[in-house]
């Protein structure tokens, strides 16, 4: 079965992908650093995180997939 996201992305119990990703998983998935992610969020160039609890935020996996697919590809 082919997966659209890397196998190192967070997973729930079983084989279903997580609905939300915390910052370390977002950094691995995108290759961006913490400061870059938050700078791009403030510039409205990266999906905003959602609040999970008083001191916990995460990103919707679907938002990250959509953002990734909208990025230009490198040309040779």
PDB file of N, CA and C in Angstrom:
ATOM      1  N   UNK A   1       0.833  -1.176   0.000  1.00  0.00           N
ATOM      2  CA  UNK A   1       0.000   0.000   0.000  1.00  0.00           C
ATOM      3  C   UNK A   1       0.879   1.242   0.000  1.00  0.00           C
ATOM      4  N   UNK A   2       0.695   2.148  -0.941  1.00  0.00           N
ATOM      5  CA  UNK A   2       1.513   3.350  -1.055  1.00  0.00           C
ATOM      6  C   UNK A   2       0.973   4.450  -0.169  1.00  0.00           C
ATOM      7  N   UNK A   3       1.878   5.133   0.543  1.00  0.00           N
ATOM      8  CA  UNK A   3       1.492   6.228   1.419  1.00  0.00           C
ATOM      9  C   UNK A   3       1.929   7.541   0.812  1.00  0.00           C
ATOM     10  N   UNK A   4       1.130   8.592   1.016  1.00  0.00           N
ATOM     11  CA  UNK A   4       1.458   9.886   0.439  1.00  0.00           C
ATOM     12  C   UNK A   4       2.418  10.684   1.311  1.00  0.00           C
ATOM     13  N   UNK A   5       2.531  10.353   2.597  1.00  0.00           N
ATOM     14  CA  UNK A   5       3.438  11.062   3.497  1.00  0.00           C
ATOM     15  C   UNK A   5       4.543  10.117   3.942  1.00  0.00           C
ATOM     16  N   UNK A   6       5.686  10.672   4.357  1.00  0.00           N
ATOM     17  CA  UNK A   6       6.796   9.831   4.787  1.00  0.00           C
ATOM     18  C   UNK A   6       6.412   8.907   5.933  1.00  0.00           C
ATOM     19  N   UNK A   7       7.064   7.771   5.996  1.00  0.00           N
ATOM     20  CA  UNK A   7       6.743   6.789   7.017  1.00  0.00           C
ATOM     21  C   UNK A   7       7.152   7.244   8.411  1.00  0.00           C
ATOM     22  N   UNK A   8       8.044   8.253   8.523  1.00  0.00           N
ATOM     23  CA  UNK A   8       8.468   8.704   9.840  1.00  0.00           C
ATOM     24  C   UNK A   8       7.501   9.696  10.472  1.00  0.00           C
ATOM     25  N   UNK A   9       6.432  10.083   9.772  1.00  0.00           N
ATOM     26  CA  UNK A   9       5.427  10.994  10.329  1.00  0.00           C
ATOM     27  C   UNK A   9       4.687  10.286  11.457  1.00  0.00           C
ATOM     28  N   UNK A  10       4.148  11.054  12.389  1.00  0.00           N
ATOM     29  CA  UNK A  10       3.451  10.503  13.546  1.00  0.00           C
ATOM     30  C   UNK A  10       2.268   9.655  13.128  1.00  0.00           C
ATOM     31  N   UNK A  11       1.999   8.634  13.923  1.00  0.00           N
ATOM     32  CA  UNK A  11       0.863   7.756  13.649  1.00  0.00           C
ATOM     33  C   UNK A  11       0.110   7.502  14.942  1.00  0.00           C
ATOM     34  N   UNK A  12      -1.195   7.317  14.817  1.00  0.00           N
ATOM     35  CA  UNK A  12      -2.019   6.879  15.939  1.00  0.00           C
ATOM     36  C   UNK A  12      -1.806   5.388  16.115  1.00  0.00           C
ATOM     37  N   UNK A  13      -2.556   4.795  17.008  1.00  0.00           N
ATOM     38  CA  UNK A  13      -2.508   3.345  17.171  1.00  0.00           C
ATOM     39  C   UNK A  13      -2.926   2.689  15.866  1.00  0.00           C
ATOM     40  N   UNK A  14      -2.265   1.656  15.497  1.00  0.00           N
ATOM     41  CA  UNK A  14      -2.571   0.998  14.234  1.00  0.00           C
ATOM     42  C   UNK A  14      -1.868   1.676  13.084  1.00  0.00           C
ATOM     43  N   UNK A  15      -2.467   1.617  11.911  1.00  0.00           N
ATOM     44  CA  UNK A  15      -1.825   2.123  10.700  1.00  0.00           C
ATOM     45  C   UNK A  15      -2.402   3.457  10.219  1.00  0.00           C
ATOM     46  N   UNK A  16      -3.401   3.997  10.924  1.00  0.00           N
ATOM     47  CA  UNK A  16      -4.027   5.245  10.485  1.00  0.00           C
ATOM     48  C   UNK A  16      -3.139   6.443  10.839  1.00  0.00           C
ATOM     49  N   UNK A  17      -2.947   7.377   9.899  1.00  0.00           N
ATOM     50  CA  UNK A  17      -2.137   8.553  10.191  1.00  0.00           C
ATOM     51  C   UNK A  17      -2.826   9.471  11.199  1.00  0.00           C
ATOM     52  N   UNK A  18      -2.036  10.187  11.989  1.00  0.00           N
ATOM     53  CA  UNK A  18      -2.575  11.116  12.973  1.00  0.00           C
ATOM     54  C   UNK A  18      -3.302  12.262  12.288  1.00  0.00           C
ATOM     55  N   UNK A  19      -4.320  12.756  12.933  1.00  0.00           N
ATOM     56  CA  UNK A  19      -5.045  13.904  12.436  1.00  0.00           C
ATOM     57  C   UNK A  19      -4.237  15.176  12.687  1.00  0.00           C
ATOM     58  N   UNK A  20      -3.527  15.230  13.810  1.00  0.00           N
ATOM     59  CA  UNK A  20      -2.716  16.380  14.185  1.00  0.00           C
ATOM     60  C   UNK A  20      -1.251  15.978  14.333  1.00  0.00           C
ATOM     61  N   UNK A  21      -0.357  16.901  13.992  1.00  0.00           N
ATOM     62  CA  UNK A  21       1.077  16.678  14.158  1.00  0.00           C
ATOM     63  C   UNK A  21       1.640  17.752  15.070  1.00  0.00           C
ATOM     64  N   UNK A  22       2.463  17.341  16.023  1.00  0.00           N
ATOM     65  CA  UNK A  22       3.131  18.292  16.908  1.00  0.00           C
ATOM     66  C   UNK A  22       4.372  18.829  16.204  1.00  0.00           C
ATOM     67  N   UNK A  23       4.980  19.874  16.753  1.00  0.00           N
ATOM     68  CA  UNK A  23       6.076  20.585  16.105  1.00  0.00           C
ATOM     69  C   UNK A  23       7.233  19.685  15.657  1.00  0.00           C
ATOM     70  N   UNK A  24       7.748  18.772  16.474  1.00  0.00           N
ATOM     71  CA  UNK A  24       8.852  17.933  15.984  1.00  0.00           C
ATOM     72  C   UNK A  24       8.507  17.146  14.719  1.00  0.00           C
ATOM     73  N   UNK A  25       7.273  16.640  14.639  1.00  0.00           N
ATOM     74  CA  UNK A  25       6.854  15.895  13.447  1.00  0.00           C
ATOM     75  C   UNK A  25       6.706  16.834  12.247  1.00  0.00           C
ATOM     76  N   UNK A  26       6.220  18.051  12.487  1.00  0.00           N
ATOM     77  CA  UNK A  26       6.096  19.037  11.399  1.00  0.00           C
ATOM     78  C   UNK A  26       7.483  19.394  10.883  1.00  0.00           C
ATOM     79  N   UNK A  27       8.444  19.553  11.770  1.00  0.00           N
ATOM     80  CA  UNK A  27       9.815  19.868  11.369  1.00  0.00           C
ATOM     81  C   UNK A  27      10.408  18.736  10.530  1.00  0.00           C
ATOM     82  N   UNK A  28      10.200  17.488  10.939  1.00  0.00           N
ATOM     83  CA  UNK A  28      10.708  16.350  10.156  1.00  0.00           C
ATOM     84  C   UNK A  28      10.022  16.263   8.807  1.00  0.00           C
ATOM     85  N   UNK A  29       8.717  16.480   8.799  1.00  0.00           N
ATOM     86  CA  UNK A  29       7.928  16.365   7.577  1.00  0.00           C
ATOM     87  C   UNK A  29       8.300  17.422   6.546  1.00  0.00           C
ATOM     88  N   UNK A  30       8.512  18.659   7.004  1.00  0.00           N
ATOM     89  CA  UNK A  30       8.765  19.769   6.082  1.00  0.00           C
ATOM     90  C   UNK A  30      10.234  20.046   5.845  1.00  0.00           C
ATOM     91  N   UNK A  31      11.090  19.651   6.767  1.00  0.00           N
ATOM     92  CA  UNK A  31      12.505  19.996   6.672  1.00  0.00           C
ATOM     93  C   UNK A  31      12.787  21.420   7.129  1.00  0.00           C
ATOM     94  N   UNK A  32      11.787  22.075   7.709  1.00  0.00           N
ATOM     95  CA  UNK A  32      11.950  23.446   8.194  1.00  0.00           C
ATOM     96  C   UNK A  32      12.253  23.441   9.684  1.00  0.00           C
ATOM     97  N   UNK A  33      12.938  24.473  10.142  1.00  0.00           N
ATOM     98  CA  UNK A  33      13.227  24.632  11.559  1.00  0.00           C
ATOM     99  C   UNK A  33      12.105  25.330  12.292  1.00  0.00           C
ATOM    100  N   UNK A  34      12.158  25.286  13.620  1.00  0.00           N
ATOM    101  CA  UNK A  34      11.130  25.880  14.466  1.00  0.00           C
ATOM    102  C   UNK A  34      10.928  27.357  14.156  1.00  0.00           C
ATOM    103  N   UNK A  35      12.006  28.120  14.136  1.00  0.00           N
ATOM    104  CA  UNK A  35      11.905  29.560  13.897  1.00  0.00           C
ATOM    105  C   UNK A  35      11.312  29.866  12.526  1.00  0.00           C
ATOM    106  N   UNK A  36      11.721  29.103  11.536  1.00  0.00           N
ATOM    107  CA  UNK A  36      11.211  29.305  10.180  1.00  0.00           C
ATOM    108  C   UNK A  36       9.719  29.021  10.116  1.00  0.00           C
ATOM    109  N   UNK A  37       9.288  27.948  10.758  1.00  0.00           N
ATOM    110  CA  UNK A  37       7.863  27.605  10.768  1.00  0.00           C
ATOM    111  C   UNK A  37       7.053  28.739  11.393  1.00  0.00           C
ATOM    112  N   UNK A  38       7.465  29.203  12.582  1.00  0.00           N
ATOM    113  CA  UNK A  38       6.701  30.247  13.251  1.00  0.00           C
ATOM    114  C   UNK A  38       6.786  31.583  12.509  1.00  0.00           C
ATOM    115  N   UNK A  39       7.898  31.868  11.869  1.00  0.00           N
ATOM    116  CA  UNK A  39       8.004  33.097  11.063  1.00  0.00           C
ATOM    117  C   UNK A  39       7.047  33.021   9.882  1.00  0.00           C
ATOM    118  N   UNK A  40       7.027  31.874   9.202  1.00  0.00           N
ATOM    119  CA  UNK A  40       6.134  31.709   8.059  1.00  0.00           C
ATOM    120  C   UNK A  40       4.664  31.740   8.482  1.00  0.00           C
ATOM    121  N   UNK A  41       4.344  31.224   9.675  1.00  0.00           N
ATOM    122  CA  UNK A  41       2.978  31.308  10.196  1.00  0.00           C
ATOM    123  C   UNK A  41       2.602  32.775  10.376  1.00  0.00           C
ATOM    124  N   UNK A  42       3.506  33.559  10.967  1.00  0.00           N
ATOM    125  CA  UNK A  42       3.202  34.979  11.200  1.00  0.00           C
ATOM    126  C   UNK A  42       3.081  35.754   9.896  1.00  0.00           C
ATOM    127  N   UNK A  43       3.758  35.299   8.844  1.00  0.00           N
ATOM    128  CA  UNK A  43       3.678  35.930   7.522  1.00  0.00           C
ATOM    129  C   UNK A  43       2.538  35.358   6.684  1.00  0.00           C
ATOM    130  N   UNK A  44       1.742  34.451   7.274  1.00  0.00           N
ATOM    131  CA  UNK A  44       0.617  33.809   6.569  1.00  0.00           C
ATOM    132  C   UNK A  44       1.080  32.984   5.367  1.00  0.00           C
ATOM    133  N   UNK A  45       2.286  32.400   5.466  1.00  0.00           N
ATOM    134  CA  UNK A  45       2.837  31.578   4.389  1.00  0.00           C
ATOM    135  C   UNK A  45       2.912  30.098   4.776  1.00  0.00           C
ATOM    136  N   UNK A  46       2.389  29.761   5.956  1.00  0.00           N
ATOM    137  CA  UNK A  46       2.403  28.387   6.461  1.00  0.00           C
ATOM    138  C   UNK A  46       1.132  28.208   7.276  1.00  0.00           C
ATOM    139  N   UNK A  47       0.559  27.002   7.290  1.00  0.00           N
ATOM    140  CA  UNK A  47      -0.679  26.787   8.052  1.00  0.00           C
ATOM    141  C   UNK A  47      -0.517  27.137   9.531  1.00  0.00           C
ATOM    142  N   UNK A  48      -1.541  27.722  10.102  1.00  0.00           N
ATOM    143  CA  UNK A  48      -1.544  28.051  11.523  1.00  0.00           C
ATOM    144  C   UNK A  48      -1.784  26.794  12.348  1.00  0.00           C
ATOM    145  N   UNK A  49      -1.146  26.715  13.499  1.00  0.00           N
ATOM    146  CA  UNK A  49      -1.427  25.582  14.386  1.00  0.00           C
ATOM    147  C   UNK A  49      -2.786  25.761  15.053  1.00  0.00           C
ATOM    148  N   UNK A  50      -3.324  24.692  15.577  1.00  0.00           N
ATOM    149  CA  UNK A  50      -4.566  24.737  16.348  1.00  0.00           C
ATOM    150  C   UNK A  50      -4.241  24.405  17.797  1.00  0.00           C
ATOM    151  N   UNK A  51      -4.961  25.022  18.700  1.00  0.00           N
ATOM    152  CA  UNK A  51      -4.729  24.804  20.127  1.00  0.00           C
ATOM    153  C   UNK A  51      -5.393  23.510  20.558  1.00  0.00           C
ATOM    154  N   UNK A  52      -4.614  22.608  21.139  1.00  0.00           N
ATOM    155  CA  UNK A  52      -5.137  21.338  21.638  1.00  0.00           C
ATOM    156  C   UNK A  52      -5.464  21.422  23.124  1.00  0.00           C
ATOM    157  N   UNK A  53      -4.679  22.206  23.829  1.00  0.00           N
ATOM    158  CA  UNK A  53      -4.854  22.402  25.264  1.00  0.00           C
ATOM    159  C   UNK A  53      -4.259  23.764  25.607  1.00  0.00           C
ATOM    160  N   UNK A  54      -4.271  24.116  26.844  1.00  0.00           N
ATOM    161  CA  UNK A  54      -3.791  25.434  27.259  1.00  0.00           C
ATOM    162  C   UNK A  54      -2.374  25.729  26.761  1.00  0.00           C
ATOM    163  N   UNK A  55      -1.495  24.745  26.835  1.00  0.00           N
ATOM    164  CA  UNK A  55      -0.112  24.956  26.425  1.00  0.00           C
ATOM    165  C   UNK A  55       0.335  23.991  25.330  1.00  0.00           C
ATOM    166  N   UNK A  56      -0.599  23.518  24.534  1.00  0.00           N
ATOM    167  CA  UNK A  56      -0.259  22.548  23.485  1.00  0.00           C
ATOM    168  C   UNK A  56      -0.921  22.945  22.169  1.00  0.00           C
ATOM    169  N   UNK A  57      -0.088  23.016  21.117  1.00  0.00           N
ATOM    170  CA  UNK A  57      -0.611  23.273  19.774  1.00  0.00           C
ATOM    171  C   UNK A  57      -0.131  22.175  18.841  1.00  0.00           C
ATOM    172  N   UNK A  58      -0.836  22.038  17.725  1.00  0.00           N
ATOM    173  CA  UNK A  58      -0.455  21.062  16.710  1.00  0.00           C
ATOM    174  C   UNK A  58      -0.987  21.562  15.378  1.00  0.00           C
ATOM    175  N   UNK A  59      -0.512  20.944  14.316  1.00  0.00           N
ATOM    176  CA  UNK A  59      -0.954  21.302  12.966  1.00  0.00           C
ATOM    177  C   UNK A  59      -1.815  20.193  12.416  1.00  0.00           C
ATOM    178  N   UNK A  60      -2.868  20.566  11.685  1.00  0.00           N
ATOM    179  CA  UNK A  60      -3.703  19.577  11.012  1.00  0.00           C
ATOM    180  C   UNK A  60      -2.895  18.968   9.872  1.00  0.00           C
ATOM    181  N   UNK A  61      -2.868  17.661   9.805  1.00  0.00           N
ATOM    182  CA  UNK A  61      -2.142  16.952   8.747  1.00  0.00           C
ATOM    183  C   UNK A  61      -2.660  17.385   7.370  1.00  0.00           C
ATOM    184  N   UNK A  62      -3.971  17.516   7.233  1.00  0.00           N
ATOM    185  CA  UNK A  62      -4.554  17.898   5.942  1.00  0.00           C
ATOM    186  C   UNK A  62      -4.065  19.276   5.501  1.00  0.00           C
ATOM    187  N   UNK A  63      -3.921  20.217   6.447  1.00  0.00           N
ATOM    188  CA  UNK A  63      -3.410  21.553   6.111  1.00  0.00           C
ATOM    189  C   UNK A  63      -1.971  21.481   5.616  1.00  0.00           C
ATOM    190  N   UNK A  64      -1.170  20.626   6.243  1.00  0.00           N
ATOM    191  CA  UNK A  64       0.236  20.479   5.836  1.00  0.00           C
ATOM    192  C   UNK A  64       0.349  19.828   4.462  1.00  0.00           C
ATOM    193  N   UNK A  65      -0.490  18.847   4.190  1.00  0.00           N
ATOM    194  CA  UNK A  65      -0.484  18.193   2.878  1.00  0.00           C
ATOM    195  C   UNK A  65      -0.870  19.205   1.802  1.00  0.00           C
ATOM    196  N   UNK A  66      -1.908  19.983   2.059  1.00  0.00           N
ATOM    197  CA  UNK A  66      -2.343  21.000   1.096  1.00  0.00           C
ATOM    198  C   UNK A  66      -1.248  22.038   0.874  1.00  0.00           C
ATOM    199  N   UNK A  67      -0.595  22.486   1.931  1.00  0.00           N
ATOM    200  CA  UNK A  67       0.497  23.461   1.814  1.00  0.00           C
ATOM    201  C   UNK A  67       1.635  22.874   0.981  1.00  0.00           C
ATOM    202  N   UNK A  68       1.996  21.639   1.259  1.00  0.00           N
ATOM    203  CA  UNK A  68       3.094  20.984   0.547  1.00  0.00           C
ATOM    204  C   UNK A  68       2.790  20.846  -0.941  1.00  0.00           C
ATOM    205  N   UNK A  69       1.563  20.463  -1.257  1.00  0.00           N
ATOM    206  CA  UNK A  69       1.187  20.283  -2.664  1.00  0.00           C
ATOM    207  C   UNK A  69       1.139  21.602  -3.418  1.00  0.00           C
ATOM    208  N   UNK A  70       0.973  22.724  -2.707  1.00  0.00           N
ATOM    209  CA  UNK A  70       0.915  24.034  -3.375  1.00  0.00           C
ATOM    210  C   UNK A  70       2.297  24.636  -3.599  1.00  0.00           C
ATOM    211  N   UNK A  71       3.328  24.018  -3.034  1.00  0.00           N
ATOM    212  CA  UNK A  71       4.692  24.530  -3.173  1.00  0.00           C
ATOM    213  C   UNK A  71       5.213  24.270  -4.577  1.00  0.00           C
ATOM    214  N   UNK A  72       5.985  25.212  -5.127  1.00  0.00           N
ATOM    215  CA  UNK A  72       6.560  24.971  -6.449  1.00  0.00           C
ATOM    216  C   UNK A  72       7.631  23.868  -6.377  1.00  0.00           C
ATOM    217  N   UNK A  73       7.783  23.126  -7.449  1.00  0.00           N
ATOM    218  CA  UNK A  73       8.800  22.089  -7.489  1.00  0.00           C
ATOM    219  C   UNK A  73      10.082  22.659  -8.095  1.00  0.00           C
ATOM    220  N   UNK A  74      11.201  22.090  -7.742  1.00  0.00           N
ATOM    221  CA  UNK A  74      12.488  22.532  -8.292  1.00  0.00           C
ATOM    222  C   UNK A  74      12.584  22.083  -9.742  1.00  0.00           C
ATOM    223  N   UNK A  75      13.094  22.962 -10.578  1.00  0.00           N
ATOM    224  CA  UNK A  75      13.281  22.615 -11.983  1.00  0.00           C
ATOM    225  C   UNK A  75      14.767  22.406 -12.248  1.00  0.00           C
ATOM    226  N   UNK A  76      15.056  21.509 -13.114  1.00  0.00           N
ATOM    227  CA  UNK A  76      16.452  21.168 -13.407  1.00  0.00           C
ATOM    228  C   UNK A  76      16.985  22.037 -14.521  1.00  0.00           C
TER     229      UNK A  76
END
